[in-house]
Amino acid sequence: MPRGVIDHDGLQAPEMRALRAAEPPAGMPFEIRKIGHVVLMVQDIERSVDFYTRILGFRVSDVYTDSMMPGRMVFMRCNADHHGVALVGGAREPANSNELNHLAFEVASLDEVLRAREHLKANGVKIVFDGRRRAGCQVAVEFLDPDNHVLEIYWGIDQIGTGGDARAPEGWREEMSLEDAIDNPPAGQDTSLRDPSLRARQSG
């Protein structure tokens, strides 16, 4: 099936409907409110700390010595939480998709996604995708960190209303560039830029 074409019949298969219908049991004794943090194994901890601070703007909160955590461990934050990402040294090989598909970071505006792409390119970071995926409809740029972890910077992810219903697949708008994502928004997503000159400056 060509990329971007939605298999509507497949989405209605019984096993797919069963996945969509899965719900937590009544009377749960707790409620998870957000994804708290992720811990990544890295080969060279200095190299990775440099990437996450200098390229992505994270700040270091704490560090464990090798006696506290073999390979050492660096706790990093992007908000008031003590850490959102932690790095542990000692990985023997670069990451692969068997251990982590990707890790995503939200920004507050579409302009910032464009600026992020420019910043990543200027720093020689390998970009593997920019545009809009399908479910969720966020506009994003995806790239690799020094250990080949796939990272994503995104804006505009769909919000689930009180009825609990997500956007129907017919409303998804997959696009293979930020420019096409801006030009072809799904219903309800305002892709106008605060600084329209960003597009002309970065296209191509």
N, C-alpha and C. Protein backbone atom coordinates (compact mmCIF):
# COMPACT_ATOMS: atom_id res chain seq x y z
N MET A 1 0.85 -1.19 0.00
CA MET A 1 0.00 0.00 0.00
C MET A 1 0.88 1.25 0.00
N PRO A 2 0.63 2.22 -0.89
CA PRO A 2 1.47 3.42 -0.95
C PRO A 2 1.46 4.17 0.37
N ARG A 3 2.62 4.79 0.68
CA ARG A 3 2.74 5.57 1.90
C ARG A 3 1.72 6.70 1.90
N GLY A 4 1.06 6.90 3.02
CA GLY A 4 0.09 7.99 3.14
C GLY A 4 -1.34 7.56 2.84
N VAL A 5 -1.50 6.36 2.22
CA VAL A 5 -2.84 5.84 1.94
C VAL A 5 -3.31 5.07 3.17
N ILE A 6 -4.48 5.40 3.66
CA ILE A 6 -5.00 4.80 4.88
C ILE A 6 -5.81 3.55 4.55
N ASP A 7 -5.48 2.46 5.21
CA ASP A 7 -6.20 1.19 5.02
C ASP A 7 -7.43 1.20 5.93
N HIS A 8 -8.50 1.81 5.46
CA HIS A 8 -9.71 1.93 6.28
C HIS A 8 -10.31 0.56 6.61
N ASP A 9 -10.25 -0.39 5.65
CA ASP A 9 -10.79 -1.71 5.92
C ASP A 9 -10.01 -2.39 7.04
N GLY A 10 -8.68 -2.26 6.98
CA GLY A 10 -7.85 -2.87 8.01
C GLY A 10 -8.12 -2.28 9.38
N LEU A 11 -8.40 -1.00 9.43
CA LEU A 11 -8.68 -0.35 10.71
C LEU A 11 -9.99 -0.83 11.33
N GLN A 12 -10.88 -1.39 10.49
CA GLN A 12 -12.16 -1.88 10.99
C GLN A 12 -12.15 -3.38 11.28
N ALA A 13 -11.00 -4.03 11.09
CA ALA A 13 -10.91 -5.46 11.38
C ALA A 13 -11.19 -5.71 12.86
N PRO A 14 -11.75 -6.88 13.20
CA PRO A 14 -12.13 -7.15 14.61
C PRO A 14 -10.98 -6.96 15.59
N GLU A 15 -9.77 -7.40 15.23
CA GLU A 15 -8.65 -7.25 16.16
C GLU A 15 -8.26 -5.78 16.35
N MET A 16 -8.48 -4.96 15.32
CA MET A 16 -8.19 -3.53 15.45
C MET A 16 -9.26 -2.85 16.29
N ARG A 17 -10.52 -3.24 16.12
CA ARG A 17 -11.59 -2.69 16.95
C ARG A 17 -11.39 -3.08 18.40
N ALA A 18 -10.90 -4.31 18.63
CA ALA A 18 -10.65 -4.75 20.01
C ALA A 18 -9.55 -3.92 20.66
N LEU A 19 -8.51 -3.61 19.90
CA LEU A 19 -7.43 -2.75 20.44
C LEU A 19 -7.97 -1.38 20.80
N ARG A 20 -8.79 -0.80 19.91
CA ARG A 20 -9.33 0.54 20.16
C ARG A 20 -10.28 0.56 21.35
N ALA A 21 -10.94 -0.57 21.60
CA ALA A 21 -11.94 -0.62 22.67
C ALA A 21 -11.33 -0.88 24.05
N ALA A 22 -10.04 -1.16 24.11
CA ALA A 22 -9.41 -1.45 25.41
C ALA A 22 -9.53 -0.25 26.34
N GLU A 23 -9.94 -0.48 27.58
CA GLU A 23 -10.13 0.58 28.57
C GLU A 23 -9.60 0.12 29.93
N PRO A 24 -9.22 1.07 30.77
CA PRO A 24 -8.81 0.67 32.12
C PRO A 24 -10.02 0.17 32.91
N PRO A 25 -9.77 -0.71 33.87
CA PRO A 25 -10.90 -1.20 34.67
C PRO A 25 -11.47 -0.11 35.56
N ALA A 26 -12.73 -0.25 35.91
CA ALA A 26 -13.35 0.70 36.83
C ALA A 26 -12.69 0.61 38.20
N GLY A 27 -12.66 1.72 38.89
CA GLY A 27 -12.15 1.73 40.25
C GLY A 27 -10.64 1.67 40.37
N MET A 28 -9.92 2.13 39.35
CA MET A 28 -8.45 2.16 39.44
C MET A 28 -8.03 2.96 40.68
N PRO A 29 -7.06 2.45 41.44
CA PRO A 29 -6.66 3.14 42.66
C PRO A 29 -5.69 4.30 42.42
N PHE A 30 -5.36 4.58 41.19
CA PHE A 30 -4.47 5.69 40.86
C PHE A 30 -4.75 6.13 39.43
N GLU A 31 -4.22 7.32 39.05
CA GLU A 31 -4.40 7.84 37.70
C GLU A 31 -3.09 8.44 37.22
N ILE A 32 -2.50 7.84 36.19
CA ILE A 32 -1.29 8.39 35.61
C ILE A 32 -1.66 9.64 34.83
N ARG A 33 -0.95 10.75 35.09
CA ARG A 33 -1.30 12.04 34.51
C ARG A 33 -0.41 12.46 33.34
N LYS A 34 0.81 11.95 33.27
CA LYS A 34 1.68 12.30 32.15
C LYS A 34 2.83 11.29 32.08
N ILE A 35 3.53 11.27 30.95
CA ILE A 35 4.75 10.49 30.85
C ILE A 35 5.81 11.24 31.63
N GLY A 36 6.42 10.60 32.61
CA GLY A 36 7.32 11.31 33.51
C GLY A 36 8.72 11.50 33.00
N HIS A 37 9.40 10.42 32.64
CA HIS A 37 10.77 10.54 32.16
C HIS A 37 11.18 9.29 31.42
N VAL A 38 12.27 9.38 30.69
CA VAL A 38 12.84 8.25 29.99
C VAL A 38 14.32 8.19 30.33
N VAL A 39 14.85 6.98 30.45
CA VAL A 39 16.27 6.77 30.71
C VAL A 39 16.87 6.05 29.50
N LEU A 40 17.91 6.64 28.92
CA LEU A 40 18.53 6.11 27.71
C LEU A 40 19.94 5.63 27.99
N MET A 41 20.30 4.48 27.45
CA MET A 41 21.68 4.00 27.48
C MET A 41 22.45 4.67 26.34
N VAL A 42 23.65 5.17 26.65
CA VAL A 42 24.47 5.85 25.64
C VAL A 42 25.89 5.30 25.69
N GLN A 43 26.61 5.44 24.58
CA GLN A 43 27.98 4.95 24.50
C GLN A 43 28.98 5.91 25.15
N ASP A 44 28.84 7.19 24.86
CA ASP A 44 29.79 8.20 25.32
C ASP A 44 29.00 9.27 26.06
N ILE A 45 29.06 9.26 27.37
CA ILE A 45 28.17 10.12 28.14
C ILE A 45 28.50 11.59 27.95
N GLU A 46 29.77 11.94 27.81
CA GLU A 46 30.11 13.35 27.56
C GLU A 46 29.53 13.83 26.23
N ARG A 47 29.68 13.01 25.21
CA ARG A 47 29.13 13.37 23.89
C ARG A 47 27.62 13.55 23.96
N SER A 48 26.94 12.65 24.66
CA SER A 48 25.48 12.73 24.73
C SER A 48 25.01 13.90 25.58
N VAL A 49 25.69 14.18 26.69
CA VAL A 49 25.32 15.35 27.50
C VAL A 49 25.51 16.62 26.68
N ASP A 50 26.58 16.69 25.91
CA ASP A 50 26.79 17.85 25.03
C ASP A 50 25.64 18.01 24.04
N PHE A 51 25.18 16.90 23.44
CA PHE A 51 24.09 16.95 22.49
C PHE A 51 22.79 17.43 23.14
N TYR A 52 22.45 16.85 24.27
CA TYR A 52 21.17 17.18 24.90
C TYR A 52 21.16 18.59 25.50
N THR A 53 22.32 19.11 25.89
CA THR A 53 22.38 20.48 26.40
C THR A 53 22.53 21.47 25.25
N ARG A 54 23.54 21.29 24.42
CA ARG A 54 23.87 22.29 23.40
C ARG A 54 22.90 22.27 22.23
N ILE A 55 22.42 21.10 21.83
CA ILE A 55 21.52 21.00 20.67
C ILE A 55 20.06 21.13 21.07
N LEU A 56 19.66 20.51 22.19
CA LEU A 56 18.24 20.48 22.57
C LEU A 56 17.89 21.40 23.73
N GLY A 57 18.88 21.94 24.43
CA GLY A 57 18.58 22.92 25.48
C GLY A 57 18.23 22.34 26.83
N PHE A 58 18.45 21.05 27.05
CA PHE A 58 18.23 20.48 28.37
C PHE A 58 19.27 21.02 29.36
N ARG A 59 18.92 20.98 30.64
CA ARG A 59 19.83 21.37 31.71
C ARG A 59 20.11 20.18 32.61
N VAL A 60 21.31 20.13 33.14
CA VAL A 60 21.70 19.03 34.03
C VAL A 60 21.20 19.33 35.44
N SER A 61 20.50 18.36 36.04
CA SER A 61 20.03 18.49 37.42
C SER A 61 20.96 17.80 38.41
N ASP A 62 21.41 16.59 38.06
CA ASP A 62 22.27 15.80 38.96
C ASP A 62 23.09 14.83 38.15
N VAL A 63 24.14 14.33 38.80
CA VAL A 63 25.02 13.35 38.16
C VAL A 63 25.35 12.25 39.17
N TYR A 64 25.31 11.00 38.73
CA TYR A 64 25.77 9.88 39.54
C TYR A 64 27.18 9.50 39.09
N THR A 65 28.04 9.19 40.04
CA THR A 65 29.36 8.68 39.72
C THR A 65 29.26 7.23 39.28
N ASP A 66 30.39 6.70 38.81
CA ASP A 66 30.43 5.31 38.38
C ASP A 66 30.16 4.34 39.53
N SER A 67 30.51 4.76 40.76
CA SER A 67 30.25 3.89 41.91
C SER A 67 28.77 3.87 42.27
N MET A 68 28.03 4.91 41.88
CA MET A 68 26.60 4.97 42.16
C MET A 68 25.79 4.28 41.06
N MET A 69 26.28 4.38 39.82
CA MET A 69 25.63 3.76 38.67
C MET A 69 26.73 3.41 37.67
N PRO A 70 26.97 2.13 37.42
CA PRO A 70 28.01 1.77 36.46
C PRO A 70 27.79 2.48 35.13
N GLY A 71 28.82 3.15 34.64
CA GLY A 71 28.72 3.93 33.42
C GLY A 71 28.42 5.40 33.67
N ARG A 72 28.09 5.73 34.91
CA ARG A 72 27.66 7.08 35.32
C ARG A 72 26.27 7.40 34.77
N MET A 73 25.59 8.32 35.41
CA MET A 73 24.22 8.68 35.04
C MET A 73 24.04 10.18 35.18
N VAL A 74 23.43 10.80 34.18
CA VAL A 74 23.20 12.24 34.18
C VAL A 74 21.70 12.49 34.06
N PHE A 75 21.15 13.23 35.02
CA PHE A 75 19.73 13.58 35.04
C PHE A 75 19.56 14.95 34.40
N MET A 76 18.63 15.06 33.43
CA MET A 76 18.48 16.29 32.66
C MET A 76 17.02 16.72 32.65
N ARG A 77 16.82 18.04 32.63
CA ARG A 77 15.46 18.56 32.71
C ARG A 77 15.19 19.57 31.59
N CYS A 78 13.89 19.71 31.27
CA CYS A 78 13.44 20.71 30.30
C CYS A 78 12.32 21.56 30.88
N ASN A 79 11.95 21.29 32.14
CA ASN A 79 10.95 22.08 32.85
C ASN A 79 11.27 22.00 34.33
N ALA A 80 10.29 22.22 35.19
CA ALA A 80 10.57 22.21 36.63
C ALA A 80 10.76 20.82 37.21
N ASP A 81 10.35 19.77 36.49
CA ASP A 81 10.61 18.41 36.96
C ASP A 81 12.11 18.18 37.08
N HIS A 82 12.52 17.44 38.09
CA HIS A 82 13.94 17.18 38.29
C HIS A 82 14.60 16.60 37.03
N HIS A 83 13.93 15.66 36.37
CA HIS A 83 14.46 15.15 35.11
C HIS A 83 13.34 14.64 34.22
N GLY A 84 13.52 14.86 32.93
CA GLY A 84 12.65 14.29 31.92
C GLY A 84 13.38 13.24 31.12
N VAL A 85 14.71 13.42 31.02
CA VAL A 85 15.58 12.46 30.35
C VAL A 85 16.75 12.20 31.28
N ALA A 86 17.14 10.94 31.40
CA ALA A 86 18.38 10.59 32.10
C ALA A 86 19.21 9.72 31.17
N LEU A 87 20.51 9.92 31.22
CA LEU A 87 21.44 9.20 30.36
C LEU A 87 22.34 8.32 31.22
N VAL A 88 22.52 7.07 30.80
CA VAL A 88 23.40 6.14 31.50
C VAL A 88 24.47 5.70 30.51
N GLY A 89 25.74 5.88 30.88
CA GLY A 89 26.83 5.49 30.00
C GLY A 89 27.05 3.99 29.99
N GLY A 90 27.89 3.55 29.06
CA GLY A 90 28.27 2.15 29.03
C GLY A 90 27.60 1.31 27.98
N ALA A 91 26.77 1.91 27.12
CA ALA A 91 26.15 1.12 26.05
C ALA A 91 27.25 0.60 25.13
N ARG A 92 27.18 -0.66 24.72
CA ARG A 92 28.22 -1.25 23.87
C ARG A 92 28.05 -0.87 22.41
N GLU A 93 26.80 -0.66 21.99
CA GLU A 93 26.51 -0.38 20.59
C GLU A 93 25.51 0.77 20.50
N PRO A 94 25.44 1.42 19.34
CA PRO A 94 24.39 2.43 19.16
C PRO A 94 23.01 1.83 19.33
N ALA A 95 22.04 2.66 19.63
CA ALA A 95 20.66 2.19 19.83
C ALA A 95 20.10 1.63 18.53
N ASN A 96 19.10 0.79 18.67
CA ASN A 96 18.36 0.31 17.51
C ASN A 96 16.88 0.27 17.87
N SER A 97 16.06 0.06 16.86
CA SER A 97 14.61 0.18 17.06
C SER A 97 14.04 -0.96 17.90
N ASN A 98 14.86 -1.94 18.26
CA ASN A 98 14.35 -3.01 19.11
C ASN A 98 14.15 -2.55 20.55
N GLU A 99 14.87 -1.52 20.97
CA GLU A 99 14.77 -1.11 22.37
C GLU A 99 13.92 0.14 22.56
N LEU A 100 13.88 1.04 21.59
CA LEU A 100 13.09 2.26 21.71
C LEU A 100 12.74 2.74 20.32
N ASN A 101 11.46 2.94 20.06
CA ASN A 101 11.09 3.44 18.74
C ASN A 101 11.46 4.91 18.60
N HIS A 102 10.94 5.77 19.49
CA HIS A 102 11.36 7.16 19.48
C HIS A 102 10.90 7.85 20.75
N LEU A 103 11.45 9.02 20.98
CA LEU A 103 11.15 9.84 22.14
C LEU A 103 10.79 11.23 21.62
N ALA A 104 9.67 11.79 22.07
CA ALA A 104 9.17 13.05 21.51
C ALA A 104 9.13 14.16 22.55
N PHE A 105 9.46 15.38 22.10
CA PHE A 105 9.45 16.57 22.94
C PHE A 105 8.51 17.61 22.33
N GLU A 106 7.59 18.12 23.13
CA GLU A 106 6.62 19.11 22.65
C GLU A 106 7.17 20.52 22.76
N VAL A 107 6.88 21.36 21.75
CA VAL A 107 7.17 22.79 21.81
C VAL A 107 5.85 23.55 21.71
N ALA A 108 5.90 24.85 22.03
CA ALA A 108 4.67 25.62 22.19
C ALA A 108 4.12 26.20 20.89
N SER A 109 4.89 26.20 19.81
CA SER A 109 4.40 26.82 18.58
C SER A 109 4.96 26.11 17.36
N LEU A 110 4.26 26.25 16.25
CA LEU A 110 4.72 25.70 14.98
C LEU A 110 6.00 26.40 14.54
N ASP A 111 6.12 27.68 14.81
CA ASP A 111 7.35 28.41 14.48
C ASP A 111 8.57 27.71 15.07
N GLU A 112 8.41 27.21 16.30
CA GLU A 112 9.54 26.56 16.97
C GLU A 112 9.95 25.27 16.27
N VAL A 113 8.99 24.56 15.67
CA VAL A 113 9.34 23.35 14.93
C VAL A 113 10.21 23.72 13.73
N LEU A 114 9.84 24.79 13.02
CA LEU A 114 10.65 25.25 11.90
C LEU A 114 12.03 25.69 12.36
N ARG A 115 12.06 26.42 13.46
CA ARG A 115 13.36 26.87 13.99
C ARG A 115 14.21 25.67 14.44
N ALA A 116 13.54 24.67 15.01
CA ALA A 116 14.27 23.48 15.43
C ALA A 116 14.90 22.78 14.24
N ARG A 117 14.17 22.67 13.15
CA ARG A 117 14.73 22.02 11.96
C ARG A 117 15.97 22.77 11.47
N GLU A 118 15.89 24.09 11.43
CA GLU A 118 17.02 24.92 11.01
C GLU A 118 18.22 24.71 11.94
N HIS A 119 17.94 24.68 13.23
CA HIS A 119 18.99 24.51 14.24
C HIS A 119 19.65 23.14 14.11
N LEU A 120 18.84 22.11 13.91
CA LEU A 120 19.39 20.76 13.76
C LEU A 120 20.26 20.66 12.52
N LYS A 121 19.80 21.21 11.42
CA LYS A 121 20.59 21.20 10.18
C LYS A 121 21.91 21.94 10.39
N ALA A 122 21.85 23.10 11.03
CA ALA A 122 23.05 23.90 11.24
C ALA A 122 24.09 23.18 12.09
N ASN A 123 23.63 22.24 12.91
CA ASN A 123 24.54 21.50 13.79
C ASN A 123 24.86 20.10 13.27
N GLY A 124 24.52 19.84 12.03
CA GLY A 124 24.88 18.57 11.42
C GLY A 124 24.14 17.37 11.95
N VAL A 125 22.96 17.59 12.55
CA VAL A 125 22.17 16.49 13.10
C VAL A 125 21.40 15.82 11.96
N LYS A 126 21.38 14.50 11.95
CA LYS A 126 20.69 13.77 10.88
C LYS A 126 19.19 13.81 11.10
N ILE A 127 18.47 14.44 10.17
CA ILE A 127 17.01 14.51 10.20
C ILE A 127 16.46 13.34 9.39
N VAL A 128 15.53 12.59 9.98
CA VAL A 128 14.98 11.42 9.29
C VAL A 128 13.55 11.64 8.79
N PHE A 129 12.90 12.69 9.25
CA PHE A 129 11.53 12.99 8.80
C PHE A 129 11.16 14.40 9.23
N ASP A 130 10.44 15.12 8.37
CA ASP A 130 9.74 16.31 8.84
C ASP A 130 8.42 16.42 8.10
N GLY A 131 7.40 16.83 8.83
CA GLY A 131 6.06 16.92 8.26
C GLY A 131 5.01 16.56 9.28
N ARG A 132 4.01 15.78 8.87
CA ARG A 132 2.95 15.35 9.77
C ARG A 132 2.71 13.86 9.58
N ARG A 133 2.73 13.12 10.68
CA ARG A 133 2.36 11.71 10.64
C ARG A 133 0.83 11.63 10.58
N ARG A 134 0.27 10.50 10.91
CA ARG A 134 -1.18 10.33 10.76
C ARG A 134 -1.89 10.53 12.10
N ALA A 135 -2.11 9.46 12.86
CA ALA A 135 -2.85 9.59 14.11
C ALA A 135 -2.15 10.59 15.03
N GLY A 136 -2.96 11.49 15.62
CA GLY A 136 -2.41 12.55 16.47
C GLY A 136 -2.21 13.85 15.74
N CYS A 137 -1.88 13.77 14.46
CA CYS A 137 -1.80 14.93 13.56
C CYS A 137 -0.79 15.99 13.97
N GLN A 138 0.17 15.66 14.85
CA GLN A 138 1.16 16.66 15.22
C GLN A 138 2.11 16.94 14.05
N VAL A 139 2.61 18.17 14.01
CA VAL A 139 3.60 18.58 13.02
C VAL A 139 4.96 18.44 13.69
N ALA A 140 5.90 17.78 13.01
CA ALA A 140 7.10 17.38 13.72
C ALA A 140 8.33 17.33 12.83
N VAL A 141 9.47 17.35 13.49
CA VAL A 141 10.74 17.01 12.86
C VAL A 141 11.35 15.88 13.70
N GLU A 142 11.80 14.82 13.02
CA GLU A 142 12.38 13.66 13.70
C GLU A 142 13.85 13.55 13.30
N PHE A 143 14.70 13.17 14.27
CA PHE A 143 16.14 13.21 14.05
C PHE A 143 16.83 12.22 14.97
N LEU A 144 18.14 12.04 14.80
CA LEU A 144 18.91 11.08 15.57
C LEU A 144 19.84 11.77 16.55
N ASP A 145 19.93 11.21 17.75
CA ASP A 145 20.94 11.69 18.70
C ASP A 145 22.24 10.93 18.42
N PRO A 146 23.32 11.21 19.16
CA PRO A 146 24.60 10.56 18.84
C PRO A 146 24.60 9.04 18.94
N ASP A 147 23.64 8.46 19.66
CA ASP A 147 23.55 7.00 19.77
C ASP A 147 22.45 6.41 18.90
N ASN A 148 21.96 7.19 17.95
CA ASN A 148 20.92 6.76 17.02
C ASN A 148 19.55 6.57 17.65
N HIS A 149 19.32 7.13 18.85
CA HIS A 149 17.95 7.19 19.34
C HIS A 149 17.17 8.16 18.44
N VAL A 150 15.98 7.76 18.04
CA VAL A 150 15.14 8.64 17.22
C VAL A 150 14.39 9.59 18.16
N LEU A 151 14.57 10.88 17.94
CA LEU A 151 13.92 11.91 18.74
C LEU A 151 12.98 12.71 17.86
N GLU A 152 11.98 13.32 18.48
CA GLU A 152 10.99 14.11 17.75
C GLU A 152 10.72 15.40 18.51
N ILE A 153 10.69 16.50 17.78
CA ILE A 153 10.21 17.77 18.31
C ILE A 153 8.91 18.07 17.58
N TYR A 154 7.83 18.29 18.34
CA TYR A 154 6.53 18.41 17.70
C TYR A 154 5.68 19.54 18.30
N TRP A 155 4.67 19.90 17.54
CA TRP A 155 3.65 20.87 17.97
C TRP A 155 2.30 20.41 17.43
N GLY A 156 1.22 20.74 18.14
CA GLY A 156 -0.13 20.62 17.59
C GLY A 156 -0.75 19.24 17.67
N ILE A 157 -0.35 18.44 18.64
CA ILE A 157 -0.95 17.10 18.75
C ILE A 157 -2.44 17.24 19.12
N ASP A 158 -3.27 16.38 18.52
CA ASP A 158 -4.70 16.40 18.82
C ASP A 158 -4.95 16.21 20.32
N GLN A 159 -5.95 16.89 20.82
CA GLN A 159 -6.39 16.72 22.20
C GLN A 159 -7.68 15.90 22.21
N ILE A 160 -7.79 14.97 23.14
CA ILE A 160 -8.97 14.11 23.24
C ILE A 160 -9.99 14.80 24.15
N GLY A 161 -11.19 14.99 23.64
CA GLY A 161 -12.22 15.69 24.39
C GLY A 161 -12.86 14.82 25.46
N THR A 162 -13.83 15.39 26.14
CA THR A 162 -14.48 14.69 27.24
C THR A 162 -15.22 13.44 26.78
N GLY A 163 -15.61 13.39 25.50
CA GLY A 163 -16.28 12.20 24.99
C GLY A 163 -15.34 11.03 24.77
N GLY A 164 -14.04 11.30 24.79
CA GLY A 164 -13.07 10.23 24.64
C GLY A 164 -12.79 9.80 23.22
N ASP A 165 -13.32 10.52 22.24
CA ASP A 165 -13.15 10.11 20.84
C ASP A 165 -11.98 10.83 20.20
N ALA A 166 -11.13 10.07 19.51
CA ALA A 166 -10.04 10.64 18.74
C ALA A 166 -10.53 11.02 17.34
N ARG A 167 -9.75 11.82 16.64
CA ARG A 167 -10.06 12.19 15.27
C ARG A 167 -10.17 10.93 14.41
N ALA A 168 -11.20 10.85 13.58
CA ALA A 168 -11.38 9.68 12.71
C ALA A 168 -10.25 9.62 11.68
N PRO A 169 -9.85 8.42 11.25
CA PRO A 169 -8.78 8.31 10.26
C PRO A 169 -9.01 9.12 8.99
N GLU A 170 -10.28 9.30 8.62
CA GLU A 170 -10.57 10.10 7.43
C GLU A 170 -10.09 11.54 7.56
N GLY A 171 -9.88 11.98 8.82
CA GLY A 171 -9.44 13.35 9.06
C GLY A 171 -7.95 13.52 9.20
N TRP A 172 -7.20 12.41 9.16
CA TRP A 172 -5.74 12.52 9.26
C TRP A 172 -5.19 13.19 8.00
N ARG A 173 -4.06 13.87 8.12
CA ARG A 173 -3.43 14.53 6.98
C ARG A 173 -1.93 14.28 7.03
N GLU A 174 -1.50 13.11 6.53
CA GLU A 174 -0.07 12.82 6.52
C GLU A 174 0.62 13.65 5.44
N GLU A 175 1.72 14.29 5.80
CA GLU A 175 2.49 15.10 4.86
C GLU A 175 3.97 14.84 5.08
N MET A 176 4.76 14.89 3.99
CA MET A 176 6.16 14.52 4.05
C MET A 176 7.13 15.70 4.09
N SER A 177 6.64 16.87 4.44
CA SER A 177 7.52 18.01 4.69
C SER A 177 6.77 18.99 5.59
N LEU A 178 7.52 19.82 6.29
CA LEU A 178 6.86 20.84 7.11
C LEU A 178 6.06 21.79 6.25
N GLU A 179 6.58 22.10 5.07
CA GLU A 179 5.87 23.03 4.19
C GLU A 179 4.51 22.46 3.77
N ASP A 180 4.48 21.18 3.40
CA ASP A 180 3.21 20.56 3.02
C ASP A 180 2.27 20.44 4.22
N ALA A 181 2.83 20.20 5.40
CA ALA A 181 2.00 20.13 6.61
C ALA A 181 1.36 21.49 6.90
N ILE A 182 2.09 22.55 6.66
CA ILE A 182 1.54 23.90 6.86
C ILE A 182 0.44 24.17 5.84
N ASP A 183 0.65 23.75 4.59
CA ASP A 183 -0.30 24.03 3.52
C ASP A 183 -1.57 23.19 3.59
N ASN A 184 -1.49 22.02 4.22
CA ASN A 184 -2.62 21.08 4.21
C ASN A 184 -2.97 20.62 5.62
N PRO A 185 -3.46 21.53 6.45
CA PRO A 185 -3.78 21.15 7.84
C PRO A 185 -5.06 20.34 7.92
N PRO A 186 -5.16 19.48 8.92
CA PRO A 186 -6.44 18.82 9.17
C PRO A 186 -7.42 19.82 9.77
N ALA A 187 -8.68 19.46 9.79
CA ALA A 187 -9.70 20.35 10.34
C ALA A 187 -9.35 20.72 11.78
N GLY A 188 -9.44 22.02 12.07
CA GLY A 188 -9.23 22.49 13.43
C GLY A 188 -7.79 22.80 13.79
N GLN A 189 -6.85 22.50 12.93
CA GLN A 189 -5.44 22.80 13.23
C GLN A 189 -5.02 24.06 12.48
N ASP A 190 -4.68 25.10 13.21
CA ASP A 190 -4.29 26.38 12.61
C ASP A 190 -2.78 26.38 12.41
N THR A 191 -2.35 26.25 11.17
CA THR A 191 -0.92 26.17 10.86
C THR A 191 -0.34 27.51 10.39
N SER A 192 -1.03 28.60 10.68
CA SER A 192 -0.45 29.90 10.34
C SER A 192 0.73 30.17 11.26
N LEU A 193 1.76 30.75 10.70
CA LEU A 193 2.98 31.03 11.45
C LEU A 193 2.93 32.41 12.07
N ARG A 194 3.47 32.55 13.26
CA ARG A 194 3.60 33.88 13.86
C ARG A 194 4.59 34.71 13.06
N ASP A 195 5.63 34.06 12.54
CA ASP A 195 6.64 34.72 11.72
C ASP A 195 6.67 34.04 10.36
N PRO A 196 5.88 34.52 9.39
CA PRO A 196 5.80 33.86 8.09
C PRO A 196 7.13 33.80 7.35
N SER A 197 8.06 34.68 7.68
CA SER A 197 9.35 34.67 7.00
C SER A 197 10.14 33.38 7.29
N LEU A 198 9.78 32.67 8.36
CA LEU A 198 10.47 31.43 8.68
C LEU A 198 10.38 30.43 7.54
N ARG A 199 9.23 30.38 6.91
CA ARG A 199 9.05 29.41 5.83
C ARG A 199 9.94 29.72 4.65
N ALA A 200 9.94 30.96 4.21
CA ALA A 200 10.77 31.34 3.07
C ALA A 200 12.25 31.14 3.37
N ARG A 201 12.62 31.36 4.62
CA ARG A 201 14.02 31.27 5.02
C ARG A 201 14.52 29.84 5.05
N GLN A 202 13.60 28.89 5.34
CA GLN A 202 14.04 27.52 5.57
C GLN A 202 13.65 26.55 4.48
N SER A 203 12.76 26.92 3.59
CA SER A 203 12.34 25.97 2.56
C SER A 203 13.52 25.56 1.70
N GLY A 204 13.45 24.28 1.29
CA GLY A 204 14.56 23.75 0.51
C GLY A 204 15.58 23.28 1.43
